[in-house]
Amino acid sequence: MVPQTTVVIATRDRADDLTRTLERLGELDVPVIVVDNGSSDDTVARVRREFGHVEVLALGRNEGAVARNHGVRRAATPYVAFSDDDSWWAPDALRCGEELFARHPRLGLVAARTIVEPDGRLDPVCVEMARSALGRDDDLPGPSVLGFVCCAAIVRRSAFLGVGGFHPVLFWPGEERLFSWDLAATGWACCYVDEVVAHHQPSAFRPPPAWRRRVELRNDLLTTWLRRPLGVVLGQTFALARRAVGDRDAGAALVAALRRLPAVLRHRRLLPVEVERRVALVG
């Protein structure tokens, strides 16, 4: 059968993790595109040498989450599944996703059940998605969500490209929430589906926790600035400013967000009223 799903992986300086992931994905017999974010190790050469069936896009620079946009544009299938260099898909997951998209025309993204390895435990975010305050619409295969984990998501390629993919202002991480809002604003649904399964074995090579906290706080604020009403924008901005008095990470996040304010003003666009209501409902 002609493959209907391409796996897209954005990576940087994790050649060993990526190699293990590609070995597992090789069992699925689907196209795989690796987008390299300017690695300084031998990632590009190693993948080209050891995995001849994998297409490599070497950006030569770090574009963060936007690297995935390049991979989706390159894909020639109607659906795209995202993996990180430390995550992979269960054997029947992509076929299950394809059947869901075929049966549910409004479905733009499937958020999968994520199993954290090596101990096989359920990622706690899946419990939150399964209990989504948005409930489940009759024409959808699972609870509606306005956020997801990218390394365990499958998208309808046309929907992804229609909203422009992941936003360049955010870079990384936390890009998923804004993307899900933009999908909803154009009429597409994001759903959590327990039957679709991905595995994630977090890499030992990760940024320092303080750095991660700062960029998450920054991107939470930037996401609000980009799409939500002025009252919400001011409330969240002042809340972060108050935290900054005794929290160095919050202060650094606020300064970093302010540096991106010109770009935010160029890209700011309010959500439709109904989508804003749903965003406010989930908090």
Protein backbone atom coordinates (compact mmCIF):
# COMPACT_ATOMS: atom_id res chain seq x y z
CA MET A 1 0.00 0.00 0.00
CA VAL A 2 1.11 3.57 -0.69
CA PRO A 3 2.09 5.21 2.61
CA GLN A 4 -0.37 7.85 3.82
CA THR A 5 1.76 9.23 6.67
CA THR A 6 5.26 10.68 6.82
CA VAL A 7 7.18 10.90 10.10
CA VAL A 8 8.96 14.25 10.56
CA ILE A 9 11.70 14.64 13.19
CA ALA A 10 13.43 17.87 14.15
CA THR A 11 16.78 17.23 15.83
CA ARG A 12 19.94 18.90 17.06
CA ASP A 13 23.10 17.33 18.52
CA ARG A 14 21.52 14.03 19.59
CA ALA A 15 22.92 11.58 17.07
CA ASP A 16 22.79 8.55 19.40
CA ASP A 17 19.17 9.16 20.45
CA LEU A 18 18.15 9.79 16.86
CA THR A 19 19.79 6.59 15.67
CA ARG A 20 17.79 4.52 18.15
CA THR A 21 14.58 6.26 17.11
CA LEU A 22 15.23 5.71 13.41
CA GLU A 23 15.87 2.01 14.02
CA ARG A 24 12.45 1.70 15.65
CA LEU A 25 10.68 3.78 13.00
CA GLY A 26 12.30 1.63 10.30
CA GLU A 27 9.98 -1.18 11.34
CA LEU A 28 6.94 0.88 10.26
CA ASP A 29 7.82 1.10 6.56
CA VAL A 30 6.80 4.76 6.20
CA PRO A 31 8.65 7.79 4.82
CA VAL A 32 10.81 9.58 7.39
CA ILE A 33 12.19 13.11 7.09
CA VAL A 34 14.84 14.32 9.53
CA VAL A 35 15.25 18.09 9.76
CA ASP A 36 18.57 18.98 11.36
CA ASN A 37 18.71 22.23 13.32
CA GLY A 38 22.38 22.99 12.68
CA SER A 39 23.89 20.11 14.69
CA SER A 40 27.55 20.42 15.63
CA ASP A 41 27.96 16.63 15.97
CA ASP A 42 27.87 14.04 13.18
CA THR A 43 24.07 13.79 13.02
CA VAL A 44 23.67 14.60 9.32
CA ALA A 45 26.55 12.43 8.10
CA ARG A 46 25.54 9.53 10.34
CA VAL A 47 21.92 9.47 9.25
CA ARG A 48 22.86 9.66 5.59
CA ARG A 49 25.40 6.87 6.05
CA GLU A 50 23.33 4.48 8.16
CA PHE A 51 19.74 5.18 7.04
CA GLY A 52 19.63 5.50 3.28
CA HIS A 53 15.83 5.46 3.21
CA VAL A 54 15.61 8.56 5.44
CA GLU A 55 15.51 12.00 3.84
CA VAL A 56 17.65 14.59 5.61
CA LEU A 57 17.08 18.34 5.44
CA ALA A 58 20.16 20.07 6.88
CA LEU A 59 19.16 23.64 7.76
CA GLY A 60 22.63 24.72 8.85
CA ARG A 61 21.13 26.78 11.67
CA ASN A 62 18.83 26.31 14.64
CA GLU A 63 15.23 27.26 13.77
CA GLY A 64 13.63 25.59 16.78
CA ALA A 65 10.12 24.22 16.23
CA VAL A 66 9.93 25.90 12.81
CA ALA A 67 12.23 23.13 11.57
CA ARG A 68 9.16 20.88 11.55
CA ASN A 69 7.46 23.25 9.11
CA HIS A 70 10.18 22.49 6.55
CA GLY A 71 9.61 18.78 7.00
CA VAL A 72 5.84 19.03 6.58
CA ARG A 73 6.22 21.07 3.41
CA ARG A 74 8.61 18.43 2.06
CA ALA A 75 6.27 15.51 2.87
CA ALA A 76 4.19 14.08 0.03
CA THR A 77 1.57 12.29 2.14
CA PRO A 78 -1.80 13.60 3.39
CA TYR A 79 -0.82 13.07 7.04
CA VAL A 80 2.32 13.80 9.07
CA ALA A 81 3.30 12.24 12.39
CA PHE A 82 5.82 14.08 14.53
CA SER A 83 8.52 12.33 16.49
CA ASP A 84 11.35 13.80 18.49
CA ASP A 85 14.79 12.24 18.33
CA ASP A 86 13.89 10.40 21.55
CA SER A 87 10.37 9.23 20.66
CA TRP A 88 8.72 6.78 18.28
CA TRP A 89 5.34 5.31 17.27
CA ALA A 90 3.70 1.99 18.17
CA PRO A 91 3.36 -0.42 15.21
CA ASP A 92 -0.34 0.21 14.51
CA ALA A 93 -0.51 3.87 15.58
CA LEU A 94 -0.14 5.55 12.20
CA ARG A 95 -2.64 3.27 10.47
CA CYS A 96 -5.12 3.96 13.27
CA GLY A 97 -4.57 7.70 12.84
CA GLU A 98 -5.16 7.49 9.09
CA GLU A 99 -8.47 5.73 9.64
CA LEU A 100 -9.56 8.40 12.11
CA PHE A 101 -8.78 11.23 9.68
CA ALA A 102 -10.69 9.44 6.92
CA ARG A 103 -13.76 8.99 9.13
CA HIS A 104 -13.77 12.46 10.69
CA PRO A 105 -13.45 15.25 8.10
CA ARG A 106 -13.17 18.02 10.73
CA LEU A 107 -10.28 16.34 12.53
CA GLY A 108 -7.03 18.28 12.09
CA LEU A 109 -4.81 16.72 14.75
CA VAL A 110 -4.67 13.55 16.82
CA ALA A 111 -2.93 13.77 20.20
CA ALA A 112 -1.80 10.25 21.07
CA ARG A 113 -1.49 8.37 24.33
CA THR A 114 2.15 8.73 25.33
CA ILE A 115 4.02 5.96 27.12
CA VAL A 116 7.15 7.14 28.94
CA GLU A 117 10.01 4.67 28.72
CA PRO A 118 11.86 2.73 29.98
CA ASP A 119 9.30 2.02 32.74
CA GLY A 120 6.22 2.11 30.51
CA ARG A 121 4.23 4.63 32.54
CA LEU A 122 1.53 6.89 31.16
CA ASP A 123 2.54 10.51 30.65
CA PRO A 124 0.46 12.56 33.14
CA VAL A 125 -0.52 15.03 30.41
CA CYS A 126 -2.58 12.25 28.83
CA VAL A 127 -4.74 12.06 31.95
CA GLU A 128 -5.38 15.80 31.65
CA MET A 129 -6.29 15.53 27.96
CA ALA A 130 -8.60 12.57 28.56
CA ARG A 131 -10.46 14.69 31.15
CA SER A 132 -10.59 17.79 28.97
CA ALA A 133 -13.13 20.39 30.08
CA LEU A 134 -14.06 20.81 26.42
CA GLY A 135 -15.73 17.41 26.32
CA ARG A 136 -16.26 15.31 23.21
CA ASP A 137 -18.26 16.35 20.15
CA ASP A 138 -20.39 13.73 18.39
CA ASP A 139 -18.45 14.01 15.13
CA LEU A 140 -15.01 13.54 16.71
CA PRO A 141 -13.15 10.43 17.94
CA GLY A 142 -12.08 11.74 21.35
CA PRO A 143 -12.07 14.66 23.79
CA SER A 144 -11.30 18.04 22.24
CA VAL A 145 -8.04 19.63 23.41
CA LEU A 146 -6.32 22.97 22.94
CA GLY A 147 -2.80 21.74 23.53
CA PHE A 148 -0.82 18.57 22.95
CA VAL A 149 2.66 17.04 23.06
CA CYS A 150 4.22 17.37 19.63
CA CYS A 151 6.29 14.18 19.75
CA ALA A 152 3.00 12.28 20.06
CA ALA A 153 0.85 14.07 17.47
CA ILE A 154 -0.36 13.30 13.95
CA VAL A 155 -1.67 16.12 11.76
CA ARG A 156 -3.63 16.48 8.59
CA ARG A 157 -0.99 18.05 6.34
CA SER A 158 -3.41 20.43 4.60
CA ALA A 159 -4.63 21.77 7.95
CA PHE A 160 -1.08 22.25 9.19
CA LEU A 161 -0.02 24.17 6.11
CA GLY A 162 -3.26 26.14 6.09
CA VAL A 163 -2.47 27.79 9.42
CA GLY A 164 1.22 28.23 8.65
CA GLY A 165 2.61 25.56 10.96
CA PHE A 166 4.47 26.41 14.16
CA HIS A 167 4.95 30.11 14.81
CA PRO A 168 8.45 31.59 14.42
CA VAL A 169 8.02 34.10 17.25
CA LEU A 170 7.98 31.30 19.85
CA PHE A 171 10.99 29.31 18.56
CA TRP A 172 10.70 26.54 21.20
CA PRO A 173 9.23 25.12 23.50
CA GLY A 174 5.47 25.38 24.09
CA GLU A 175 4.69 25.92 20.41
CA GLU A 176 1.86 23.37 20.49
CA ARG A 177 -0.70 25.50 22.31
CA LEU A 178 -0.63 28.41 19.85
CA PHE A 179 -0.78 25.98 16.95
CA SER A 180 -3.86 24.26 18.40
CA TRP A 181 -5.54 27.66 18.88
CA ASP A 182 -4.85 28.57 15.26
CA LEU A 183 -6.24 25.23 14.08
CA ALA A 184 -9.41 25.84 16.07
CA ALA A 185 -9.69 29.37 14.70
CA THR A 186 -9.83 27.96 11.17
CA GLY A 187 -12.40 25.29 12.01
CA TRP A 188 -10.16 22.27 12.61
CA ALA A 189 -10.42 20.08 15.71
CA CYS A 190 -7.68 18.64 17.90
CA CYS A 191 -8.57 15.46 19.78
CA TYR A 192 -6.96 13.16 22.29
CA VAL A 193 -7.32 9.53 21.19
CA ASP A 194 -6.25 6.86 23.66
CA GLU A 195 -6.03 4.12 21.02
CA VAL A 196 -3.20 5.87 19.14
CA VAL A 197 0.06 5.24 20.98
CA ALA A 198 3.49 6.87 20.96
CA HIS A 199 6.54 6.09 23.10
CA HIS A 200 8.88 8.68 24.59
CA GLN A 201 12.19 7.95 26.29
CA PRO A 202 13.45 11.39 27.39
CA SER A 203 17.00 12.04 26.28
CA ALA A 204 19.75 12.40 28.86
CA PHE A 205 20.95 15.41 26.87
CA ARG A 206 18.51 18.14 27.85
CA PRO A 207 18.77 21.88 28.54
CA PRO A 208 19.17 22.97 32.17
CA PRO A 209 15.84 23.11 34.07
CA ALA A 210 16.21 26.85 34.78
CA TRP A 211 16.62 27.61 31.06
CA ARG A 212 13.59 25.50 30.22
CA ARG A 213 11.49 27.26 32.87
CA ARG A 214 12.46 30.69 31.54
CA VAL A 215 11.58 29.95 27.94
CA GLU A 216 8.31 28.29 28.93
CA LEU A 217 7.30 31.38 30.92
CA ARG A 218 8.35 33.59 28.02
CA ASN A 219 6.37 31.59 25.48
CA ASP A 220 3.28 31.41 27.68
CA LEU A 221 3.26 35.20 27.70
CA LEU A 222 4.06 35.53 23.99
CA THR A 223 1.24 33.13 23.11
CA THR A 224 -1.21 35.29 25.07
CA TRP A 225 0.11 38.47 23.45
CA LEU A 226 -0.29 36.97 19.98
CA ARG A 227 -3.94 35.89 20.22
CA ARG A 228 -5.88 36.94 23.32
CA PRO A 229 -7.85 40.09 24.25
CA LEU A 230 -6.12 43.11 25.74
CA GLY A 231 -7.52 42.53 29.23
CA VAL A 232 -6.07 39.03 29.35
CA VAL A 233 -2.77 40.29 27.92
CA LEU A 234 -2.44 42.96 30.59
CA GLY A 235 -3.44 40.61 33.39
CA GLN A 236 -0.88 37.95 32.46
CA THR A 237 1.84 40.54 31.83
CA PHE A 238 1.37 42.23 35.20
CA ALA A 239 1.20 38.83 36.92
CA LEU A 240 4.57 37.84 35.48
CA ALA A 241 6.02 41.26 36.38
CA ARG A 242 4.92 40.78 39.99
CA ARG A 243 6.54 37.36 40.09
CA ALA A 244 9.73 38.85 38.67
CA VAL A 245 10.28 40.83 41.89
CA GLY A 246 11.45 37.71 43.71
CA ASP A 247 11.91 35.24 40.86
CA ARG A 248 14.93 35.63 38.56
CA ASP A 249 13.53 33.19 36.00
CA ALA A 250 10.29 35.16 35.75
CA GLY A 251 12.26 38.38 35.33
CA ALA A 252 14.41 36.89 32.58
CA ALA A 253 11.30 35.56 30.84
CA LEU A 254 9.62 38.97 30.91
CA VAL A 255 12.69 40.71 29.47
CA ALA A 256 13.00 38.08 26.74
CA ALA A 257 9.32 38.46 25.84
CA LEU A 258 9.62 42.26 25.63
CA ARG A 259 12.47 41.88 23.16
CA ARG A 260 10.08 40.04 20.84
CA LEU A 261 7.28 42.57 21.21
CA PRO A 262 7.82 44.16 17.74
CA ALA A 263 7.39 40.74 16.12
CA VAL A 264 4.32 40.07 18.26
CA LEU A 265 2.68 43.31 17.13
CA ARG A 266 3.23 42.34 13.50
CA HIS A 267 1.64 38.92 14.01
CA ARG A 268 -1.05 39.68 16.61
CA ARG A 269 -4.49 38.40 15.61
CA LEU A 270 -7.40 37.88 18.00
CA LEU A 271 -9.04 34.47 18.20
CA PRO A 272 -12.69 34.13 17.14
CA VAL A 273 -15.08 34.66 20.05
CA GLU A 274 -16.04 31.00 20.38
CA VAL A 275 -12.41 29.85 20.32
CA GLU A 276 -11.48 32.47 22.94
CA ARG A 277 -14.34 31.18 25.11
CA ARG A 278 -12.95 27.65 24.87
CA VAL A 279 -9.40 28.82 25.58
CA ALA A 280 -10.62 30.66 28.70
CA LEU A 281 -12.52 27.55 29.78
CA VAL A 282 -9.43 25.33 29.85
CA GLY A 283 -7.33 28.09 31.48
